[in-house]
Amino acid sequence: MIQRCCPVCAGKKTKKIFHRDFGGMESIVPFSGYDVVQCTRCGAFYADNIGETMPLMHYYEMMSKYETEAFSVSREALAEYEFAIGFLRGHLAPEQSIIDIGCGNGAMLHMLQEQGFHHLTGLEPSEKNCRGITERWGIRAVAGALGEEIPPLADETFDVVLMEGVLEHLIDVQGNVREALSYLKEDGALYLNVPDLAAFPACHDLYQQFSVEHVNFFSLPSMQNLMREFGMTCVAYDRNGYGVFTLWRHASEGVPALAFDHTGTADMRTYLTGAEQLAAQMKDRLTPYRGRAVYVWAAGTHTAMLYQLRLLDGIHVRAIIDSNANYQGKEVYGVPVIAPQELTEREPLPIIISSQLAQDAIHAQIKEKMGLPNEMVRLY
């Protein structure tokens, strides 16, 4: 059990607002569950009382989407990187040195390279990704993670430190930010992009912002509270989709005082109300399938929430289908996870599509690419 203080202000008093349960998915996720709590001192939201099933680093190395999808990048990720680079180009110069901490498969570094930035370094736990980044694009990539001794980067500093979609994953936020800043020149800039709590109310999803990987839920005010601890101030920010893109520098004068995040509190309340209403609608949608045998498509956290909310009670799930080879052959909630092609040899039972963002793509795969006659149940 991992118990935390507030990652923003180190406060120790909290109130619980939700519990996320992954208890039937221990074979494919790093956590069995956690409480979503709010710090009563600063108002920040984060995951506490985390039941760990495997070390996070092991999870990212063995189960990461970057490993299973090689160098493919989703349209959503490409759009996010393009927006991020447009944001950065307004504040950075091509001759500046940049390190991307947690660079994944290096796609953002490559896009910076295409924009004329050449003094690029990636820091990434996966040695496989590091080799691929260097071999494919000639970009320096170092295997390692914050908190580790990394000899190739000893005493090296950069004009810009990038943390694209990293902060929300960290257990020790303040410690890791401090380590990231050790790579930053005194007059340098720190770039942070995180899922934006202000966008949560527009998500209309089934508690999916409380994911298996995200353990911190930031708003711009909570980030300002966090970075004041390091004497840094936000010099630029922008919003796009579900992200808030920010740039920070050491303050020439004093930083603002710690302030309770009332705006984030209201946004979280709205989000929770919407998710509760959506769960009631899904219950009605699934009621006709009680007592029947079905398949569920997708072994991810959306399916975990269907089980947690007992929306599959009385429905006989014969198999869970997932394209991720890391999941196939395992069991979740006592149900075997199989590859899509196995459906061609099985009884054509109804398929519950347990995904929001990929619902249309899954529907097209079943109907058009695979030509299956199965009834499909869309939840959105």
Protein backbone atom coordinates (compact mmCIF):
# COMPACT_ATOMS: atom_id res chain seq x y z
CA MET A 1 0.00 0.00 0.00
CA ILE A 2 1.41 3.37 -1.07
CA GLN A 3 0.33 6.22 1.18
CA ARG A 4 1.12 9.76 0.09
CA CYS A 5 1.07 13.31 1.29
CA CYS A 6 -0.22 15.99 -1.07
CA PRO A 7 2.04 16.08 -4.16
CA VAL A 8 1.46 19.83 -4.47
CA CYS A 9 1.86 21.27 -0.96
CA ALA A 10 2.87 18.20 1.12
CA GLY A 11 -0.27 18.56 3.23
CA LYS A 12 -1.43 15.46 5.09
CA LYS A 13 -5.13 16.06 5.66
CA THR A 14 -7.50 14.92 2.92
CA LYS A 15 -11.06 14.00 2.16
CA LYS A 16 -11.95 11.01 -0.02
CA ILE A 17 -14.13 11.71 -3.05
CA PHE A 18 -14.02 8.42 -5.00
CA HIS A 19 -12.53 4.92 -4.98
CA ARG A 20 -11.08 3.36 -8.14
CA ASP A 21 -11.02 -0.45 -8.09
CA PHE A 22 -8.90 -2.54 -10.48
CA GLY A 23 -9.12 -5.62 -8.28
CA GLY A 24 -9.83 -8.12 -11.05
CA MET A 25 -7.06 -6.90 -13.36
CA GLU A 26 -3.94 -7.51 -11.28
CA SER A 27 -2.22 -9.41 -14.10
CA ILE A 28 -2.17 -6.41 -16.45
CA VAL A 29 -2.17 -3.25 -14.29
CA PRO A 30 0.23 -1.79 -11.69
CA PHE A 31 -2.47 -0.95 -9.12
CA SER A 32 -5.30 -2.93 -7.54
CA GLY A 33 -7.00 0.36 -6.75
CA TYR A 34 -6.70 3.75 -5.06
CA ASP A 35 -8.70 6.46 -3.36
CA VAL A 36 -9.15 9.77 -5.15
CA VAL A 37 -8.65 12.35 -2.41
CA GLN A 38 -8.56 16.14 -2.10
CA CYS A 39 -5.99 17.97 -0.01
CA THR A 40 -7.88 20.12 2.49
CA ARG A 41 -4.97 22.59 2.61
CA CYS A 42 -4.52 23.50 -1.07
CA GLY A 43 -7.41 21.73 -2.82
CA ALA A 44 -5.28 19.51 -5.07
CA PHE A 45 -6.66 16.11 -6.13
CA TYR A 46 -4.56 12.96 -6.25
CA ALA A 47 -4.56 9.18 -5.75
CA ASP A 48 -3.79 7.89 -2.26
CA ASN A 49 -3.82 4.52 -0.50
CA ILE A 50 -2.61 2.92 -3.71
CA GLY A 51 -2.57 -0.87 -3.81
CA GLU A 52 0.51 -1.75 -5.87
CA THR A 53 0.46 -4.98 -7.89
CA MET A 54 3.76 -4.43 -9.73
CA PRO A 55 6.39 -1.68 -9.68
CA LEU A 56 5.39 1.18 -11.97
CA MET A 57 8.71 1.00 -13.82
CA HIS A 58 8.13 -2.68 -14.54
CA TYR A 59 4.65 -1.87 -15.83
CA TYR A 60 5.93 0.80 -18.21
CA GLU A 61 8.72 -1.42 -19.46
CA MET A 62 6.64 -4.57 -19.94
CA MET A 63 3.14 -3.34 -20.74
CA SER A 64 3.64 0.10 -22.25
CA LYS A 65 1.73 0.97 -25.40
CA TYR A 66 4.99 2.34 -26.78
CA GLU A 67 6.53 -1.12 -26.63
CA THR A 68 3.56 -2.90 -28.20
CA GLU A 69 2.92 -0.38 -30.97
CA ALA A 70 6.57 0.19 -31.95
CA PHE A 71 6.82 3.67 -33.47
CA SER A 72 3.18 4.18 -34.39
CA VAL A 73 1.57 7.29 -32.93
CA SER A 74 -2.17 7.89 -32.69
CA ARG A 75 -3.78 10.83 -34.45
CA GLU A 76 -4.71 12.25 -31.05
CA ALA A 77 -1.08 12.10 -29.86
CA LEU A 78 0.20 13.66 -33.08
CA ALA A 79 -2.29 16.50 -32.78
CA GLU A 80 -1.21 17.08 -29.18
CA TYR A 81 2.48 17.11 -30.12
CA GLU A 82 1.82 19.50 -33.01
CA PHE A 83 0.01 21.90 -30.70
CA ALA A 84 2.78 21.58 -28.10
CA ILE A 85 5.48 22.36 -30.65
CA GLY A 86 3.54 25.33 -31.95
CA PHE A 87 3.30 26.57 -28.38
CA LEU A 88 7.01 26.00 -27.74
CA ARG A 89 8.17 27.63 -30.97
CA GLY A 90 6.72 30.89 -29.75
CA HIS A 91 9.07 30.86 -26.78
CA LEU A 92 12.17 28.85 -27.73
CA ALA A 93 14.98 29.15 -30.28
CA PRO A 94 16.21 26.26 -32.48
CA GLU A 95 19.78 26.60 -31.18
CA GLN A 96 18.73 25.88 -27.59
CA SER A 97 19.49 22.53 -26.02
CA ILE A 98 16.46 20.44 -25.04
CA ILE A 99 15.96 17.31 -22.96
CA ASP A 100 12.63 15.46 -23.12
CA ILE A 101 12.13 13.54 -19.88
CA GLY A 102 9.95 10.48 -20.38
CA CYS A 103 10.17 10.81 -24.15
CA GLY A 104 8.39 7.52 -24.93
CA ASN A 105 9.02 6.50 -28.53
CA GLY A 106 10.61 9.87 -29.32
CA ALA A 107 7.87 11.14 -31.63
CA MET A 108 7.83 14.62 -30.13
CA LEU A 109 11.63 14.87 -30.32
CA HIS A 110 11.49 13.89 -33.97
CA MET A 111 8.84 16.52 -34.67
CA LEU A 112 11.06 19.13 -32.98
CA GLN A 113 13.93 17.91 -35.15
CA GLU A 114 11.79 18.48 -38.24
CA GLN A 115 11.17 22.05 -37.04
CA GLY A 116 14.89 22.81 -36.97
CA PHE A 117 15.79 21.89 -33.37
CA HIS A 118 18.94 19.76 -33.35
CA HIS A 119 20.38 19.86 -29.82
CA LEU A 120 17.99 17.17 -28.61
CA THR A 121 18.23 14.53 -25.90
CA GLY A 122 15.65 12.02 -24.72
CA LEU A 123 15.49 10.37 -21.29
CA GLU A 124 13.35 7.24 -21.30
CA PRO A 125 13.17 4.06 -19.12
CA SER A 126 12.78 1.73 -22.11
CA GLU A 127 16.13 0.75 -23.61
CA LYS A 128 14.27 -0.56 -26.66
CA ASN A 129 12.77 2.85 -27.28
CA CYS A 130 16.12 4.56 -26.79
CA ARG A 131 17.78 2.34 -29.38
CA GLY A 132 14.94 2.96 -31.80
CA ILE A 133 15.05 6.73 -31.37
CA THR A 134 18.79 6.88 -32.05
CA GLU A 135 18.78 4.37 -34.92
CA ARG A 136 15.76 5.86 -36.67
CA TRP A 137 16.32 9.58 -36.28
CA GLY A 138 19.87 10.03 -35.01
CA ILE A 139 18.60 11.64 -31.83
CA ARG A 140 20.50 11.04 -28.61
CA ALA A 141 18.38 8.97 -26.22
CA VAL A 142 19.52 7.86 -22.77
CA ALA A 143 17.97 4.96 -20.87
CA GLY A 144 16.98 5.92 -17.35
CA ALA A 145 14.40 7.58 -15.16
CA LEU A 146 14.16 10.39 -12.65
CA GLY A 147 15.49 9.26 -9.28
CA GLU A 148 18.19 7.07 -10.80
CA GLU A 149 21.90 7.68 -11.27
CA ILE A 150 22.35 8.36 -14.99
CA PRO A 151 26.10 8.61 -15.74
CA PRO A 152 25.71 9.78 -19.38
CA LEU A 153 23.90 12.88 -18.10
CA ALA A 154 26.08 13.58 -15.06
CA ASP A 155 26.58 17.34 -14.52
CA GLU A 156 24.85 18.13 -17.83
CA THR A 157 22.29 20.95 -18.01
CA PHE A 158 19.96 22.16 -20.76
CA ASP A 159 18.24 25.33 -21.87
CA VAL A 160 14.87 23.59 -21.86
CA VAL A 161 13.46 20.62 -19.96
CA LEU A 162 10.33 19.03 -21.41
CA MET A 163 7.89 16.89 -19.42
CA GLU A 164 5.12 16.04 -21.86
CA GLY A 165 2.39 14.06 -20.15
CA VAL A 166 4.65 12.99 -17.27
CA LEU A 167 3.62 14.80 -14.09
CA GLU A 168 0.27 13.03 -13.81
CA HIS A 169 2.05 9.66 -13.57
CA LEU A 170 4.49 10.43 -10.76
CA ILE A 171 4.19 9.14 -7.20
CA ASP A 172 6.86 11.50 -5.86
CA VAL A 173 5.95 14.67 -7.74
CA GLN A 174 8.02 17.16 -5.75
CA GLY A 175 11.05 14.89 -5.66
CA ASN A 176 10.89 14.19 -9.39
CA VAL A 177 10.36 17.83 -10.31
CA ARG A 178 13.40 18.71 -8.21
CA GLU A 179 15.40 16.06 -10.09
CA ALA A 180 14.13 17.36 -13.45
CA LEU A 181 15.17 20.90 -12.52
CA SER A 182 18.69 19.65 -11.82
CA TYR A 183 19.02 19.30 -15.61
CA LEU A 184 17.87 22.90 -16.19
CA LYS A 185 20.17 25.89 -16.58
CA GLU A 186 19.47 28.71 -14.13
CA ASP A 187 17.94 30.88 -16.86
CA GLY A 188 16.27 27.94 -18.59
CA ALA A 189 12.62 27.05 -19.15
CA LEU A 190 10.60 24.06 -17.91
CA TYR A 191 7.72 22.86 -20.11
CA LEU A 192 4.89 20.88 -18.53
CA ASN A 193 1.81 19.47 -20.21
CA VAL A 194 -0.78 17.61 -18.13
CA PRO A 195 -4.44 16.61 -18.44
CA ASP A 196 -6.38 19.70 -17.46
CA LEU A 197 -8.85 19.42 -14.59
CA ALA A 198 -10.71 22.36 -16.15
CA ALA A 199 -11.52 20.04 -19.09
CA PHE A 200 -12.87 17.18 -16.96
CA PRO A 201 -16.51 18.39 -17.02
CA ALA A 202 -16.52 18.19 -20.83
CA CYS A 203 -15.24 14.60 -20.90
CA HIS A 204 -18.63 12.89 -20.34
CA ASP A 205 -16.95 9.59 -19.52
CA LEU A 206 -17.32 6.80 -16.99
CA TYR A 207 -14.78 8.01 -14.40
CA GLN A 208 -12.03 7.36 -16.97
CA GLN A 209 -10.01 10.38 -15.88
CA PHE A 210 -9.13 8.24 -12.86
CA SER A 211 -6.97 5.96 -14.97
CA VAL A 212 -4.65 3.09 -14.18
CA GLU A 213 -1.62 5.30 -14.82
CA HIS A 214 -2.67 8.77 -13.68
CA VAL A 215 -2.27 9.39 -9.96
CA ASN A 216 -2.34 13.21 -9.96
CA PHE A 217 -5.13 15.43 -11.28
CA PHE A 218 -3.84 18.91 -11.98
CA SER A 219 -5.48 22.25 -12.62
CA LEU A 220 -3.52 25.35 -13.59
CA PRO A 221 -3.94 26.75 -10.05
CA SER A 222 -2.65 23.51 -8.50
CA MET A 223 0.36 23.57 -10.83
CA GLN A 224 1.04 27.15 -9.75
CA ASN A 225 0.88 26.01 -6.14
CA LEU A 226 3.32 23.20 -6.93
CA MET A 227 5.88 25.27 -8.82
CA ARG A 228 5.93 28.08 -6.25
CA GLU A 229 7.75 25.57 -4.02
CA PHE A 230 10.64 25.75 -6.51
CA GLY A 231 10.59 29.51 -6.95
CA MET A 232 9.14 29.23 -10.44
CA THR A 233 6.36 31.13 -12.12
CA CYS A 234 4.26 30.41 -15.20
CA VAL A 235 5.41 32.67 -18.05
CA ALA A 236 3.07 31.23 -20.69
CA TYR A 237 0.23 28.75 -20.98
CA ASP A 238 -2.37 27.56 -23.46
CA ARG A 239 -5.14 25.00 -23.55
CA ASN A 240 -6.08 22.53 -26.26
CA GLY A 241 -8.40 19.57 -26.00
CA TYR A 242 -7.91 18.03 -22.57
CA GLY A 243 -4.42 19.40 -21.95
CA VAL A 244 -2.97 22.51 -20.38
CA PHE A 245 0.41 23.46 -21.86
CA THR A 246 2.66 25.55 -19.61
CA LEU A 247 6.13 27.12 -19.54
CA TRP A 248 7.92 28.00 -16.29
CA ARG A 249 10.98 30.01 -15.36
CA HIS A 250 12.66 30.93 -12.09
CA ALA A 251 10.94 34.02 -10.74
CA SER A 252 12.94 37.24 -10.69
CA GLU A 253 10.77 38.38 -7.78
CA GLY A 254 8.63 36.63 -5.19
CA VAL A 255 6.15 33.90 -6.15
CA PRO A 256 2.44 34.09 -5.25
CA ALA A 257 1.30 32.69 -1.91
CA LEU A 258 -0.31 29.25 -1.69
CA ALA A 259 -4.01 29.55 -2.63
CA PHE A 260 -6.80 26.98 -2.26
CA ASP A 261 -7.99 25.72 -5.66
CA HIS A 262 -11.71 26.57 -5.63
CA THR A 263 -12.01 26.45 -9.43
CA GLY A 264 -10.62 22.92 -9.62
CA THR A 265 -12.93 21.86 -6.80
CA ALA A 266 -15.98 23.01 -8.77
CA ASP A 267 -14.74 21.33 -11.96
CA MET A 268 -14.21 18.02 -10.16
CA ARG A 269 -17.68 18.18 -8.62
CA THR A 270 -19.25 18.73 -12.04
CA TYR A 271 -17.26 15.86 -13.53
CA LEU A 272 -18.33 13.41 -10.81
CA THR A 273 -21.99 14.34 -11.22
CA GLY A 274 -21.80 13.76 -14.98
CA ALA A 275 -20.10 10.38 -14.57
CA GLU A 276 -22.75 9.28 -12.10
CA GLN A 277 -25.50 10.19 -14.55
CA LEU A 278 -23.71 8.34 -17.37
CA ALA A 279 -23.45 5.21 -15.20
CA ALA A 280 -27.23 5.25 -14.70
CA GLN A 281 -27.75 5.48 -18.48
CA MET A 282 -25.40 2.55 -19.09
CA LYS A 283 -27.21 0.46 -16.52
CA ASP A 284 -30.42 0.91 -18.52
CA ARG A 285 -28.58 0.12 -21.77
CA LEU A 286 -27.19 -3.16 -20.40
CA THR A 287 -30.29 -4.37 -18.53
CA PRO A 288 -31.66 -6.33 -21.56
CA TYR A 289 -28.50 -8.48 -21.59
CA ARG A 290 -28.86 -9.82 -18.07
CA GLY A 291 -29.06 -13.60 -18.11
CA ARG A 292 -27.42 -13.71 -21.56
CA ALA A 293 -23.94 -14.73 -22.68
CA VAL A 294 -21.83 -12.00 -24.31
CA TYR A 295 -18.31 -10.96 -25.19
CA VAL A 296 -16.78 -7.70 -23.99
CA TRP A 297 -14.39 -5.91 -26.32
CA ALA A 298 -11.44 -4.24 -24.52
CA ALA A 299 -9.63 -5.36 -21.39
CA GLY A 300 -8.81 -1.87 -20.18
CA THR A 301 -9.90 0.42 -17.41
CA HIS A 302 -13.32 1.11 -18.92
CA THR A 303 -14.15 -2.58 -18.49
CA ALA A 304 -12.78 -2.39 -14.95
CA MET A 305 -15.28 0.38 -14.22
CA LEU A 306 -18.15 -1.66 -15.66
CA TYR A 307 -17.26 -4.36 -13.15
CA GLN A 308 -16.66 -1.92 -10.30
CA LEU A 309 -20.07 -0.29 -10.76
CA ARG A 310 -21.65 -3.75 -11.12
CA LEU A 311 -23.05 -2.86 -14.52
CA LEU A 312 -22.21 -6.38 -15.76
CA ASP A 313 -23.99 -8.15 -12.89
CA GLY A 314 -26.13 -10.99 -14.23
CA ILE A 315 -24.45 -10.84 -17.66
CA HIS A 316 -22.39 -13.91 -18.56
CA VAL A 317 -19.13 -12.66 -20.07
CA ARG A 318 -17.60 -15.57 -21.97
CA ALA A 319 -14.43 -13.78 -23.11
CA ILE A 320 -12.83 -10.34 -23.26
CA ILE A 321 -11.33 -9.35 -26.60
CA ASP A 322 -8.25 -7.16 -26.85
CA SER A 323 -5.74 -6.43 -29.61
CA ASN A 324 -2.89 -5.90 -27.14
CA ALA A 325 -0.73 -9.04 -27.26
CA ASN A 326 0.47 -8.33 -23.69
CA TYR A 327 -3.06 -8.98 -22.42
CA GLN A 328 -3.93 -12.03 -24.49
CA GLY A 329 -3.79 -15.35 -22.66
CA LYS A 330 -4.33 -13.70 -19.27
CA GLU A 331 -7.51 -13.56 -17.22
CA VAL A 332 -9.25 -10.48 -15.87
CA TYR A 333 -12.21 -10.84 -13.53
CA GLY A 334 -11.91 -14.59 -14.06
CA VAL A 335 -12.56 -14.20 -17.80
CA PRO A 336 -10.02 -15.14 -20.51
CA VAL A 337 -8.60 -12.37 -22.69
CA ILE A 338 -8.46 -13.45 -26.33
CA ALA A 339 -7.26 -11.99 -29.61
CA PRO A 340 -9.87 -10.59 -32.02
CA GLN A 341 -9.26 -13.30 -34.63
CA GLU A 342 -10.39 -15.96 -32.17
CA LEU A 343 -13.94 -14.66 -32.51
CA THR A 344 -14.16 -16.19 -35.97
CA GLU A 345 -14.09 -19.64 -34.36
CA ARG A 346 -16.50 -18.89 -31.52
CA GLU A 347 -20.24 -18.67 -31.13
CA PRO A 348 -21.50 -15.30 -32.48
CA LEU A 349 -22.63 -13.83 -29.17
CA PRO A 350 -23.40 -10.12 -28.69
CA ILE A 351 -20.30 -7.94 -28.25
CA ILE A 352 -20.37 -5.13 -25.69
CA ILE A 353 -17.94 -2.46 -26.93
CA SER A 354 -16.29 -1.26 -23.72
CA SER A 355 -14.61 1.86 -25.00
CA GLN A 356 -15.57 5.46 -25.58
CA LEU A 357 -12.82 6.93 -27.74
CA ALA A 358 -12.30 3.77 -29.81
CA GLN A 359 -15.97 2.78 -30.09
CA ASP A 360 -16.33 3.66 -33.79
CA ALA A 361 -13.01 2.07 -34.72
CA ILE A 362 -13.91 -1.17 -32.91
CA HIS A 363 -17.34 -1.23 -34.54
CA ALA A 364 -15.72 -0.84 -37.97
CA GLN A 365 -13.17 -3.57 -37.21
CA ILE A 366 -15.88 -6.05 -36.22
CA LYS A 367 -18.29 -5.24 -39.03
CA GLU A 368 -16.15 -4.19 -41.98
CA LYS A 369 -12.68 -5.68 -41.50
CA MET A 370 -13.67 -8.96 -39.82
CA GLY A 371 -17.15 -9.27 -41.32
CA LEU A 372 -18.59 -10.80 -38.15
CA PRO A 373 -22.38 -11.23 -37.76
CA ASN A 374 -22.35 -10.56 -33.99
CA GLU A 375 -24.78 -8.07 -32.52
CA MET A 376 -22.85 -5.07 -31.23
CA VAL A 377 -23.75 -3.13 -28.10
CA ARG A 378 -22.55 0.49 -28.12
CA LEU A 379 -22.47 2.25 -24.77
CA TYR A 380 -22.00 5.78 -26.13
